[in-house]
């Protein structure tokens, strides 16, 4: 096995996937930036959830908003629903793993808040349950998926935004997800701070 060649192919495949995603995703990402910024300006908050690597992405995004991304600004209201081990394990133990995010959405979500629902396949049962709970709470959903969007694509309403990576390979989808999250953070900061470039 030529490891250098294999590694090079990963870099090339990742770059090509990102470039192929621009035309498909730029407009909905801009819509998501505007929706999230509007939520924050109106004293709302963003709740984020996902499993595995997507849980890490939810935490990464919340940290960038609460602390800062690349520009100095006041802290922004964002909560990753993946971090409280006592809440997650009590819900999983007393009820069902499928409800670990939806119960938190019902407890913390308010009308006008945004749920960032991350699932590379679009088929994560607990993320789907969280989307249903967000709709019950009159929250807007921004879904970050891949592989055609899976079941999540069919759940989204007219006011929701679907950011679906046009790829099937999980690693490539996750790499684009990280770029999308950075675009969201940068866009929110630019709108809030009035940055022109």
N, C-alpha and C. Protein backbone atom coordinates (compact mmCIF):
# COMPACT_ATOMS: atom_id res chain seq x y z
N UNK A 1 0.84 -1.18 0.00
CA UNK A 1 0.00 0.00 0.00
C UNK A 1 0.89 1.25 0.00
N UNK A 2 0.59 2.19 -0.88
CA UNK A 2 1.29 3.47 -0.93
C UNK A 2 0.50 4.47 -0.09
N UNK A 3 0.95 4.68 1.16
CA UNK A 3 0.21 5.55 2.07
C UNK A 3 0.18 7.00 1.58
N UNK A 4 1.27 7.46 0.99
CA UNK A 4 1.31 8.84 0.50
C UNK A 4 0.25 9.04 -0.57
N UNK A 5 0.13 8.07 -1.47
CA UNK A 5 -0.88 8.15 -2.53
C UNK A 5 -2.30 8.12 -1.95
N UNK A 6 -2.50 7.25 -0.97
CA UNK A 6 -3.83 7.15 -0.34
C UNK A 6 -4.20 8.45 0.38
N UNK A 7 -3.25 9.00 1.11
CA UNK A 7 -3.49 10.25 1.81
C UNK A 7 -3.77 11.37 0.82
N UNK A 8 -3.02 11.41 -0.25
CA UNK A 8 -3.23 12.43 -1.28
C UNK A 8 -4.63 12.35 -1.86
N UNK A 9 -5.11 11.12 -2.07
CA UNK A 9 -6.46 10.95 -2.61
C UNK A 9 -7.52 11.48 -1.65
N UNK A 10 -7.29 11.30 -0.34
CA UNK A 10 -8.23 11.86 0.65
C UNK A 10 -8.29 13.38 0.53
N UNK A 11 -7.13 14.03 0.44
CA UNK A 11 -7.11 15.48 0.30
C UNK A 11 -7.83 15.92 -0.98
N UNK A 12 -7.55 15.25 -2.06
CA UNK A 12 -8.16 15.62 -3.34
C UNK A 12 -9.66 15.38 -3.34
N UNK A 13 -10.09 14.26 -2.77
CA UNK A 13 -11.51 13.95 -2.70
C UNK A 13 -12.25 14.95 -1.82
N UNK A 14 -11.62 15.33 -0.69
CA UNK A 14 -12.23 16.31 0.19
C UNK A 14 -12.37 17.65 -0.51
N UNK A 15 -11.32 18.07 -1.19
CA UNK A 15 -11.37 19.36 -1.89
C UNK A 15 -12.43 19.36 -2.98
N UNK A 16 -12.51 18.27 -3.73
CA UNK A 16 -13.49 18.18 -4.81
C UNK A 16 -14.92 18.18 -4.27
N UNK A 17 -15.13 17.49 -3.14
CA UNK A 17 -16.47 17.46 -2.54
C UNK A 17 -16.88 18.86 -2.09
N UNK A 18 -15.95 19.59 -1.50
CA UNK A 18 -16.26 20.95 -1.06
C UNK A 18 -16.56 21.85 -2.24
N UNK A 19 -15.76 21.76 -3.29
CA UNK A 19 -15.98 22.60 -4.47
C UNK A 19 -17.31 22.27 -5.14
N UNK A 20 -17.64 20.98 -5.17
CA UNK A 20 -18.91 20.57 -5.79
C UNK A 20 -20.12 21.00 -4.95
N UNK A 21 -19.91 21.32 -3.68
CA UNK A 21 -21.01 21.70 -2.80
C UNK A 21 -21.36 23.18 -2.87
N UNK A 22 -20.47 24.00 -3.42
CA UNK A 22 -20.68 25.46 -3.38
C UNK A 22 -22.00 25.85 -4.02
N UNK A 23 -22.21 25.45 -5.26
CA UNK A 23 -23.42 25.88 -5.98
C UNK A 23 -24.69 25.36 -5.31
N UNK A 24 -24.63 24.15 -4.80
CA UNK A 24 -25.78 23.51 -4.18
C UNK A 24 -26.12 24.11 -2.82
N UNK A 25 -25.09 24.56 -2.07
CA UNK A 25 -25.29 24.90 -0.66
C UNK A 25 -25.17 26.38 -0.31
N UNK A 26 -24.56 27.20 -1.14
CA UNK A 26 -24.29 28.59 -0.76
C UNK A 26 -25.57 29.36 -0.40
N UNK A 27 -26.60 29.24 -1.23
CA UNK A 27 -27.83 30.00 -0.98
C UNK A 27 -28.53 29.55 0.30
N UNK A 28 -28.71 28.24 0.53
CA UNK A 28 -29.34 27.86 1.80
C UNK A 28 -28.49 28.18 3.03
N UNK A 29 -27.16 28.17 2.89
CA UNK A 29 -26.32 28.57 4.02
C UNK A 29 -26.58 30.04 4.34
N UNK A 30 -26.68 30.88 3.30
CA UNK A 30 -26.97 32.30 3.52
C UNK A 30 -28.33 32.48 4.21
N UNK A 31 -29.32 31.69 3.81
CA UNK A 31 -30.63 31.74 4.47
C UNK A 31 -30.52 31.34 5.93
N UNK A 32 -29.70 30.32 6.21
CA UNK A 32 -29.52 29.86 7.59
C UNK A 32 -28.83 30.94 8.43
N UNK A 33 -27.84 31.62 7.85
CA UNK A 33 -27.17 32.72 8.56
C UNK A 33 -28.19 33.78 8.94
N UNK A 34 -29.05 34.16 7.99
CA UNK A 34 -30.05 35.19 8.26
C UNK A 34 -31.05 34.73 9.32
N UNK A 35 -31.46 33.46 9.26
CA UNK A 35 -32.41 32.94 10.24
C UNK A 35 -31.80 32.91 11.64
N UNK A 36 -30.58 32.44 11.74
CA UNK A 36 -29.91 32.36 13.05
C UNK A 36 -29.66 33.76 13.61
N UNK A 37 -29.23 34.68 12.76
CA UNK A 37 -28.97 36.04 13.22
C UNK A 37 -30.26 36.70 13.70
N UNK A 38 -31.34 36.51 12.95
CA UNK A 38 -32.63 37.06 13.36
C UNK A 38 -33.07 36.51 14.70
N UNK A 39 -32.87 35.22 14.89
CA UNK A 39 -33.21 34.58 16.17
C UNK A 39 -32.43 35.22 17.31
N UNK A 40 -31.13 35.38 17.13
CA UNK A 40 -30.27 35.92 18.18
C UNK A 40 -30.59 37.38 18.47
N UNK A 41 -30.85 38.16 17.43
CA UNK A 41 -31.19 39.58 17.62
C UNK A 41 -32.47 39.72 18.43
N UNK A 42 -33.40 38.78 18.26
CA UNK A 42 -34.68 38.82 18.97
C UNK A 42 -34.65 38.08 20.30
N UNK A 43 -33.45 37.96 20.88
CA UNK A 43 -33.24 37.34 22.19
C UNK A 43 -33.57 35.85 22.21
N UNK A 44 -33.50 35.21 21.06
CA UNK A 44 -33.68 33.76 21.00
C UNK A 44 -32.35 33.05 21.19
N UNK A 45 -32.41 31.74 21.11
CA UNK A 45 -31.19 30.94 21.26
C UNK A 45 -31.18 29.83 20.22
N UNK A 46 -30.01 29.28 20.01
CA UNK A 46 -29.84 28.19 19.08
C UNK A 46 -29.49 26.94 19.87
N UNK A 47 -30.29 25.89 19.71
CA UNK A 47 -30.01 24.58 20.30
C UNK A 47 -29.44 23.70 19.20
N UNK A 48 -28.41 22.92 19.52
CA UNK A 48 -27.76 22.09 18.51
C UNK A 48 -27.64 20.65 19.00
N UNK A 49 -27.87 19.70 18.09
CA UNK A 49 -27.75 18.29 18.47
C UNK A 49 -27.26 17.43 17.32
N UNK A 50 -26.73 16.28 17.67
CA UNK A 50 -26.24 15.30 16.71
C UNK A 50 -25.57 14.18 17.47
N UNK A 51 -25.18 13.13 16.79
CA UNK A 51 -24.57 11.96 17.40
C UNK A 51 -23.14 11.76 16.90
N UNK A 52 -22.28 11.25 17.77
CA UNK A 52 -20.91 10.95 17.36
C UNK A 52 -20.17 12.19 16.89
N UNK A 53 -19.63 12.13 15.66
CA UNK A 53 -18.94 13.29 15.11
C UNK A 53 -19.86 14.50 15.01
N UNK A 54 -21.14 14.24 14.77
CA UNK A 54 -22.11 15.34 14.70
C UNK A 54 -22.36 15.96 16.08
N UNK A 55 -22.21 15.16 17.14
CA UNK A 55 -22.29 15.71 18.50
C UNK A 55 -21.12 16.67 18.73
N UNK A 56 -19.94 16.27 18.27
CA UNK A 56 -18.77 17.14 18.38
C UNK A 56 -18.98 18.42 17.58
N UNK A 57 -19.60 18.30 16.42
CA UNK A 57 -19.89 19.49 15.61
C UNK A 57 -20.88 20.42 16.31
N UNK A 58 -21.90 19.85 16.96
CA UNK A 58 -22.86 20.66 17.70
C UNK A 58 -22.16 21.42 18.82
N UNK A 59 -21.26 20.75 19.53
CA UNK A 59 -20.52 21.39 20.60
C UNK A 59 -19.57 22.46 20.06
N UNK A 60 -18.90 22.16 18.97
CA UNK A 60 -17.99 23.12 18.33
C UNK A 60 -18.76 24.39 17.96
N UNK A 61 -19.91 24.23 17.33
CA UNK A 61 -20.70 25.38 16.90
C UNK A 61 -21.15 26.22 18.09
N UNK A 62 -21.68 25.56 19.12
CA UNK A 62 -22.13 26.29 20.31
C UNK A 62 -20.97 27.04 20.97
N UNK A 63 -19.80 26.42 21.03
CA UNK A 63 -18.64 27.08 21.63
C UNK A 63 -18.23 28.32 20.85
N UNK A 64 -18.29 28.23 19.52
CA UNK A 64 -17.92 29.39 18.69
C UNK A 64 -18.88 30.56 18.91
N UNK A 65 -20.16 30.27 19.18
CA UNK A 65 -21.12 31.34 19.40
C UNK A 65 -21.02 31.91 20.81
N UNK A 66 -20.97 31.03 21.81
CA UNK A 66 -20.92 31.49 23.19
C UNK A 66 -19.62 32.25 23.47
N UNK A 67 -18.51 31.74 22.97
CA UNK A 67 -17.22 32.41 23.18
C UNK A 67 -16.99 33.42 22.06
N UNK A 68 -16.42 32.99 20.96
CA UNK A 68 -16.25 33.84 19.78
C UNK A 68 -15.73 32.97 18.65
N UNK A 69 -15.88 33.49 17.42
CA UNK A 69 -15.32 32.81 16.26
C UNK A 69 -14.01 33.51 15.91
N UNK A 70 -14.00 34.41 14.95
CA UNK A 70 -12.75 35.09 14.58
C UNK A 70 -12.75 36.57 14.93
N UNK A 71 -13.91 37.12 15.27
CA UNK A 71 -14.00 38.54 15.61
C UNK A 71 -14.46 38.70 17.05
N UNK A 72 -14.03 39.79 17.67
CA UNK A 72 -14.50 40.09 19.02
C UNK A 72 -15.95 40.57 18.96
N UNK A 73 -16.78 40.00 19.82
CA UNK A 73 -18.18 40.41 19.92
C UNK A 73 -18.74 39.84 21.20
N UNK A 74 -19.92 40.34 21.62
CA UNK A 74 -20.53 39.80 22.84
C UNK A 74 -20.89 38.32 22.66
N UNK A 75 -20.99 37.56 23.75
CA UNK A 75 -21.39 36.15 23.67
C UNK A 75 -22.80 36.01 23.09
N UNK A 76 -23.00 34.93 22.35
CA UNK A 76 -24.30 34.66 21.73
C UNK A 76 -24.90 33.39 22.35
N UNK A 77 -26.23 33.34 22.40
CA UNK A 77 -26.94 32.27 23.10
C UNK A 77 -27.02 31.00 22.25
N UNK A 78 -26.24 30.00 22.62
CA UNK A 78 -26.26 28.71 21.93
C UNK A 78 -25.98 27.61 22.94
N UNK A 79 -26.68 26.48 22.78
CA UNK A 79 -26.53 25.36 23.71
C UNK A 79 -26.42 24.07 22.90
N UNK A 80 -25.38 23.30 23.16
CA UNK A 80 -25.27 21.96 22.59
C UNK A 80 -26.01 21.00 23.50
N UNK A 81 -26.95 20.25 22.95
CA UNK A 81 -27.76 19.32 23.74
C UNK A 81 -27.06 17.97 23.94
N UNK A 82 -25.77 17.93 23.64
CA UNK A 82 -25.00 16.68 23.65
C UNK A 82 -24.05 16.58 24.82
N UNK A 83 -24.03 17.57 25.71
CA UNK A 83 -22.92 17.68 26.66
C UNK A 83 -23.23 17.29 28.10
N UNK A 84 -24.48 17.31 28.50
CA UNK A 84 -24.83 17.06 29.90
C UNK A 84 -25.04 15.56 30.11
N UNK A 85 -24.01 14.90 30.62
CA UNK A 85 -24.06 13.44 30.74
C UNK A 85 -25.16 12.98 31.70
N UNK A 86 -25.44 13.75 32.74
CA UNK A 86 -26.50 13.35 33.67
C UNK A 86 -27.86 13.40 33.00
N UNK A 87 -28.12 14.47 32.24
CA UNK A 87 -29.39 14.57 31.53
C UNK A 87 -29.51 13.48 30.47
N UNK A 88 -28.46 13.31 29.68
CA UNK A 88 -28.49 12.32 28.60
C UNK A 88 -28.72 10.90 29.14
N UNK A 89 -27.99 10.54 30.20
CA UNK A 89 -28.10 9.17 30.71
C UNK A 89 -29.40 8.95 31.48
N UNK A 90 -29.90 9.99 32.14
CA UNK A 90 -31.17 9.80 32.86
C UNK A 90 -32.32 9.61 31.87
N UNK A 91 -32.32 10.40 30.79
CA UNK A 91 -33.38 10.23 29.78
C UNK A 91 -33.23 8.87 29.10
N UNK A 92 -31.99 8.53 28.73
CA UNK A 92 -31.76 7.23 28.09
C UNK A 92 -32.16 6.06 28.97
N UNK A 93 -31.92 6.18 30.27
CA UNK A 93 -32.23 5.11 31.21
C UNK A 93 -33.71 5.05 31.55
N UNK A 94 -34.31 6.20 31.85
CA UNK A 94 -35.70 6.23 32.31
C UNK A 94 -36.71 6.12 31.17
N UNK A 95 -36.33 6.60 30.00
CA UNK A 95 -37.25 6.60 28.86
C UNK A 95 -36.64 5.84 27.69
N UNK A 96 -35.93 6.55 26.83
CA UNK A 96 -35.40 5.93 25.63
C UNK A 96 -34.33 6.83 25.06
N UNK A 97 -33.30 6.24 24.46
CA UNK A 97 -32.23 7.01 23.84
C UNK A 97 -32.78 7.94 22.75
N UNK A 98 -33.87 7.55 22.12
CA UNK A 98 -34.47 8.37 21.07
C UNK A 98 -34.91 9.73 21.60
N UNK A 99 -35.18 9.83 22.89
CA UNK A 99 -35.71 11.07 23.47
C UNK A 99 -34.64 11.97 24.10
N UNK A 100 -33.36 11.63 23.96
CA UNK A 100 -32.33 12.40 24.68
C UNK A 100 -32.26 13.86 24.24
N UNK A 101 -32.59 14.14 23.00
CA UNK A 101 -32.58 15.54 22.55
C UNK A 101 -33.97 16.16 22.61
N UNK A 102 -35.00 15.40 22.27
CA UNK A 102 -36.35 15.96 22.21
C UNK A 102 -36.84 16.44 23.57
N UNK A 103 -36.51 15.72 24.63
CA UNK A 103 -36.93 16.18 25.97
C UNK A 103 -36.24 17.49 26.33
N UNK A 104 -34.99 17.63 25.92
CA UNK A 104 -34.28 18.89 26.17
C UNK A 104 -34.87 20.03 25.34
N UNK A 105 -35.24 19.74 24.11
CA UNK A 105 -35.87 20.77 23.26
C UNK A 105 -37.18 21.22 23.90
N UNK A 106 -37.97 20.26 24.39
CA UNK A 106 -39.24 20.62 25.02
C UNK A 106 -39.03 21.42 26.31
N UNK A 107 -37.93 21.17 27.00
CA UNK A 107 -37.65 21.89 28.25
C UNK A 107 -37.06 23.28 28.00
N UNK A 108 -36.20 23.40 27.01
CA UNK A 108 -35.43 24.63 26.82
C UNK A 108 -35.90 25.48 25.65
N UNK A 109 -36.52 24.87 24.66
CA UNK A 109 -36.88 25.59 23.44
C UNK A 109 -38.09 26.49 23.63
N UNK A 110 -38.04 27.64 23.00
CA UNK A 110 -39.14 28.60 23.01
C UNK A 110 -39.48 28.98 21.58
N UNK A 111 -40.71 29.43 21.34
CA UNK A 111 -41.05 29.91 19.99
C UNK A 111 -40.05 30.97 19.53
N UNK A 112 -39.58 30.82 18.31
CA UNK A 112 -38.60 31.75 17.77
C UNK A 112 -37.17 31.29 17.90
N UNK A 113 -36.93 30.27 18.75
CA UNK A 113 -35.59 29.69 18.83
C UNK A 113 -35.32 28.86 17.58
N UNK A 114 -34.07 28.48 17.40
CA UNK A 114 -33.65 27.66 16.25
C UNK A 114 -33.04 26.36 16.75
N UNK A 115 -33.39 25.26 16.10
CA UNK A 115 -32.73 23.97 16.34
C UNK A 115 -31.80 23.69 15.17
N UNK A 116 -30.52 23.51 15.46
CA UNK A 116 -29.57 23.03 14.46
C UNK A 116 -29.48 21.52 14.63
N UNK A 117 -30.07 20.78 13.69
CA UNK A 117 -30.16 19.33 13.75
C UNK A 117 -29.16 18.72 12.78
N UNK A 118 -28.16 18.02 13.31
CA UNK A 118 -27.06 17.51 12.49
C UNK A 118 -27.13 15.99 12.40
N UNK A 119 -27.18 15.48 11.17
CA UNK A 119 -27.20 14.03 10.94
C UNK A 119 -26.63 13.77 9.54
N UNK A 120 -25.49 13.10 9.46
CA UNK A 120 -24.88 12.87 8.14
C UNK A 120 -25.79 12.05 7.23
N UNK A 121 -26.53 11.10 7.80
CA UNK A 121 -27.41 10.24 7.00
C UNK A 121 -28.80 10.84 6.82
N UNK A 122 -29.18 11.74 7.73
CA UNK A 122 -30.54 12.25 7.73
C UNK A 122 -31.54 11.29 8.36
N UNK A 123 -31.04 10.24 8.99
CA UNK A 123 -31.92 9.20 9.52
C UNK A 123 -31.75 8.94 11.02
N UNK A 124 -31.06 9.80 11.75
CA UNK A 124 -30.84 9.57 13.18
C UNK A 124 -32.15 9.72 13.95
N UNK A 125 -32.64 8.63 14.58
CA UNK A 125 -33.95 8.70 15.24
C UNK A 125 -34.06 9.78 16.31
N UNK A 126 -33.00 9.99 17.11
CA UNK A 126 -33.12 10.98 18.17
C UNK A 126 -33.06 12.41 17.62
N UNK A 127 -32.41 12.62 16.49
CA UNK A 127 -32.42 13.94 15.84
C UNK A 127 -33.79 14.18 15.20
N UNK A 128 -34.36 13.15 14.61
CA UNK A 128 -35.72 13.26 14.05
C UNK A 128 -36.72 13.61 15.16
N UNK A 129 -36.59 12.96 16.32
CA UNK A 129 -37.48 13.24 17.44
C UNK A 129 -37.30 14.69 17.92
N UNK A 130 -36.06 15.18 17.89
CA UNK A 130 -35.79 16.57 18.29
C UNK A 130 -36.44 17.55 17.31
N UNK A 131 -36.42 17.23 16.03
CA UNK A 131 -37.06 18.08 15.02
C UNK A 131 -38.56 18.15 15.28
N UNK A 132 -39.17 17.01 15.57
CA UNK A 132 -40.61 17.01 15.87
C UNK A 132 -40.91 17.86 17.11
N UNK A 133 -40.06 17.75 18.13
CA UNK A 133 -40.25 18.55 19.35
C UNK A 133 -40.07 20.04 19.05
N UNK A 134 -39.11 20.37 18.19
CA UNK A 134 -38.89 21.78 17.83
C UNK A 134 -40.11 22.35 17.12
N UNK A 135 -40.70 21.57 16.24
CA UNK A 135 -41.91 22.02 15.55
C UNK A 135 -43.05 22.25 16.55
N UNK A 136 -43.16 21.36 17.53
CA UNK A 136 -44.18 21.53 18.58
C UNK A 136 -43.97 22.84 19.34
N UNK A 137 -42.71 23.22 19.53
CA UNK A 137 -42.36 24.42 20.29
C UNK A 137 -42.31 25.67 19.40
N UNK A 138 -42.73 25.53 18.15
CA UNK A 138 -42.73 26.65 17.19
C UNK A 138 -41.34 27.21 16.96
N UNK A 139 -40.38 26.30 16.87
CA UNK A 139 -39.00 26.65 16.57
C UNK A 139 -38.72 26.39 15.10
N UNK A 140 -37.81 27.14 14.56
CA UNK A 140 -37.36 26.91 13.19
C UNK A 140 -36.24 25.88 13.23
N UNK A 141 -36.19 25.00 12.24
CA UNK A 141 -35.17 23.95 12.18
C UNK A 141 -34.23 24.22 11.02
N UNK A 142 -32.95 24.13 11.32
CA UNK A 142 -31.93 24.12 10.28
C UNK A 142 -31.28 22.75 10.34
N UNK A 143 -31.49 21.96 9.30
CA UNK A 143 -30.99 20.59 9.27
C UNK A 143 -29.72 20.51 8.44
N UNK A 144 -28.69 19.92 9.00
CA UNK A 144 -27.40 19.75 8.34
C UNK A 144 -27.22 18.25 8.10
N UNK A 145 -27.35 17.84 6.83
CA UNK A 145 -27.37 16.41 6.49
C UNK A 145 -26.45 16.12 5.30
N UNK A 146 -26.58 14.91 4.80
CA UNK A 146 -25.93 14.46 3.57
C UNK A 146 -26.72 13.29 3.04
N UNK A 147 -26.18 12.59 2.06
CA UNK A 147 -26.81 11.37 1.52
C UNK A 147 -28.26 11.59 1.09
N UNK A 148 -28.55 12.77 0.55
CA UNK A 148 -29.91 13.05 0.08
C UNK A 148 -30.86 13.53 1.15
N UNK A 149 -30.41 13.58 2.40
CA UNK A 149 -31.24 14.11 3.48
C UNK A 149 -32.01 13.09 4.26
N UNK A 150 -32.12 11.86 3.76
CA UNK A 150 -32.81 10.79 4.49
C UNK A 150 -34.22 11.18 4.91
N UNK A 151 -34.66 10.65 6.03
CA UNK A 151 -36.01 10.91 6.55
C UNK A 151 -36.19 12.36 6.98
N UNK A 152 -35.10 12.99 7.37
CA UNK A 152 -35.19 14.38 7.83
C UNK A 152 -35.70 15.29 6.72
N UNK A 153 -35.31 15.02 5.49
CA UNK A 153 -35.74 15.87 4.36
C UNK A 153 -37.26 15.95 4.29
N UNK A 154 -37.95 14.86 4.63
CA UNK A 154 -39.41 14.82 4.54
C UNK A 154 -40.10 15.49 5.73
N UNK A 155 -39.36 15.73 6.81
CA UNK A 155 -39.94 16.32 8.02
C UNK A 155 -39.96 17.84 8.01
N UNK A 156 -39.13 18.43 7.18
CA UNK A 156 -38.92 19.87 7.25
C UNK A 156 -40.09 20.64 6.66
N UNK A 157 -40.44 21.73 7.34
CA UNK A 157 -41.53 22.59 6.89
C UNK A 157 -41.03 23.71 6.00
N UNK A 158 -41.94 24.53 5.55
CA UNK A 158 -41.61 25.62 4.63
C UNK A 158 -40.66 26.63 5.24
N UNK A 159 -40.72 26.84 6.55
CA UNK A 159 -39.86 27.81 7.21
C UNK A 159 -38.51 27.23 7.62
N UNK A 160 -38.35 25.91 7.51
CA UNK A 160 -37.10 25.27 7.87
C UNK A 160 -36.10 25.38 6.71
N UNK A 161 -34.85 25.12 7.02
CA UNK A 161 -33.78 25.22 6.02
C UNK A 161 -33.00 23.91 6.02
N UNK A 162 -32.81 23.35 4.83
CA UNK A 162 -32.09 22.09 4.69
C UNK A 162 -30.73 22.34 4.05
N UNK A 163 -29.68 22.05 4.79
CA UNK A 163 -28.31 22.16 4.30
C UNK A 163 -27.80 20.74 4.06
N UNK A 164 -28.00 20.25 2.86
CA UNK A 164 -27.69 18.85 2.53
C UNK A 164 -26.45 18.79 1.65
N UNK A 165 -25.42 18.15 2.16
CA UNK A 165 -24.17 17.99 1.40
C UNK A 165 -24.42 16.99 0.28
N UNK A 166 -24.09 17.35 -0.96
CA UNK A 166 -24.32 16.44 -2.08
C UNK A 166 -23.22 15.37 -2.17
N UNK A 167 -23.21 14.49 -1.18
CA UNK A 167 -22.20 13.42 -1.11
C UNK A 167 -22.79 12.25 -0.34
N UNK A 168 -22.18 11.08 -0.49
CA UNK A 168 -22.63 9.87 0.19
C UNK A 168 -21.62 9.33 1.21
N UNK A 169 -20.39 9.73 1.11
CA UNK A 169 -19.36 9.21 2.01
C UNK A 169 -19.35 10.02 3.31
N UNK A 170 -19.50 9.33 4.43
CA UNK A 170 -19.66 9.99 5.72
C UNK A 170 -18.52 10.95 6.04
N UNK A 171 -17.28 10.53 5.82
CA UNK A 171 -16.14 11.39 6.15
C UNK A 171 -16.19 12.69 5.35
N UNK A 172 -16.53 12.59 4.06
CA UNK A 172 -16.60 13.79 3.22
C UNK A 172 -17.75 14.70 3.67
N UNK A 173 -18.88 14.10 4.03
CA UNK A 173 -20.02 14.90 4.51
C UNK A 173 -19.62 15.65 5.78
N UNK A 174 -18.96 14.97 6.70
CA UNK A 174 -18.55 15.61 7.95
C UNK A 174 -17.56 16.74 7.71
N UNK A 175 -16.68 16.56 6.73
CA UNK A 175 -15.72 17.62 6.42
C UNK A 175 -16.43 18.86 5.88
N UNK A 176 -17.43 18.66 5.06
CA UNK A 176 -18.20 19.80 4.55
C UNK A 176 -19.04 20.40 5.68
N UNK A 177 -19.57 19.56 6.56
CA UNK A 177 -20.33 20.08 7.70
C UNK A 177 -19.50 21.08 8.50
N UNK A 178 -18.25 20.75 8.76
CA UNK A 178 -17.39 21.66 9.53
C UNK A 178 -17.23 22.98 8.79
N UNK A 179 -17.02 22.92 7.48
CA UNK A 179 -16.91 24.15 6.69
C UNK A 179 -18.21 24.95 6.75
N UNK A 180 -19.34 24.28 6.66
CA UNK A 180 -20.64 24.96 6.74
C UNK A 180 -20.79 25.65 8.10
N UNK A 181 -20.42 24.98 9.17
CA UNK A 181 -20.52 25.58 10.51
C UNK A 181 -19.65 26.83 10.61
N UNK A 182 -18.46 26.79 10.03
CA UNK A 182 -17.61 27.97 10.03
C UNK A 182 -18.21 29.08 9.18
N UNK A 183 -18.85 28.74 8.07
CA UNK A 183 -19.55 29.75 7.26
C UNK A 183 -20.69 30.38 8.06
N UNK A 184 -21.43 29.57 8.81
CA UNK A 184 -22.51 30.09 9.64
C UNK A 184 -21.97 31.05 10.70
N UNK A 185 -20.91 30.65 11.39
CA UNK A 185 -20.32 31.50 12.42
C UNK A 185 -19.84 32.82 11.83
N UNK A 186 -19.14 32.75 10.71
CA UNK A 186 -18.62 33.95 10.08
C UNK A 186 -19.76 34.85 9.60
N UNK A 187 -20.78 34.25 9.00
CA UNK A 187 -21.90 35.03 8.50
C UNK A 187 -22.66 35.72 9.61
N UNK A 188 -22.89 35.02 10.72
CA UNK A 188 -23.58 35.61 11.87
C UNK A 188 -22.78 36.80 12.38
N UNK A 189 -21.48 36.62 12.55
CA UNK A 189 -20.64 37.72 13.03
C UNK A 189 -20.69 38.91 12.08
N UNK A 190 -20.61 38.65 10.78
CA UNK A 190 -20.63 39.74 9.80
C UNK A 190 -21.95 40.51 9.84
N UNK A 191 -23.07 39.81 9.95
CA UNK A 191 -24.35 40.50 10.02
C UNK A 191 -24.51 41.27 11.32
N UNK A 192 -24.10 40.68 12.42
CA UNK A 192 -24.24 41.36 13.71
C UNK A 192 -23.32 42.57 13.83
N UNK A 193 -22.13 42.48 13.26
CA UNK A 193 -21.14 43.54 13.42
C UNK A 193 -21.11 44.51 12.25
N UNK A 194 -21.93 44.25 11.22
CA UNK A 194 -21.97 45.15 10.07
C UNK A 194 -20.74 45.11 9.20
N UNK A 195 -20.09 43.94 9.12
CA UNK A 195 -18.89 43.79 8.29
C UNK A 195 -19.32 43.71 6.82
N UNK A 196 -18.63 44.47 5.98
CA UNK A 196 -19.00 44.52 4.55
C UNK A 196 -18.29 43.46 3.72
N UNK A 197 -17.02 43.18 4.00
CA UNK A 197 -16.25 42.22 3.19
C UNK A 197 -16.21 40.86 3.82
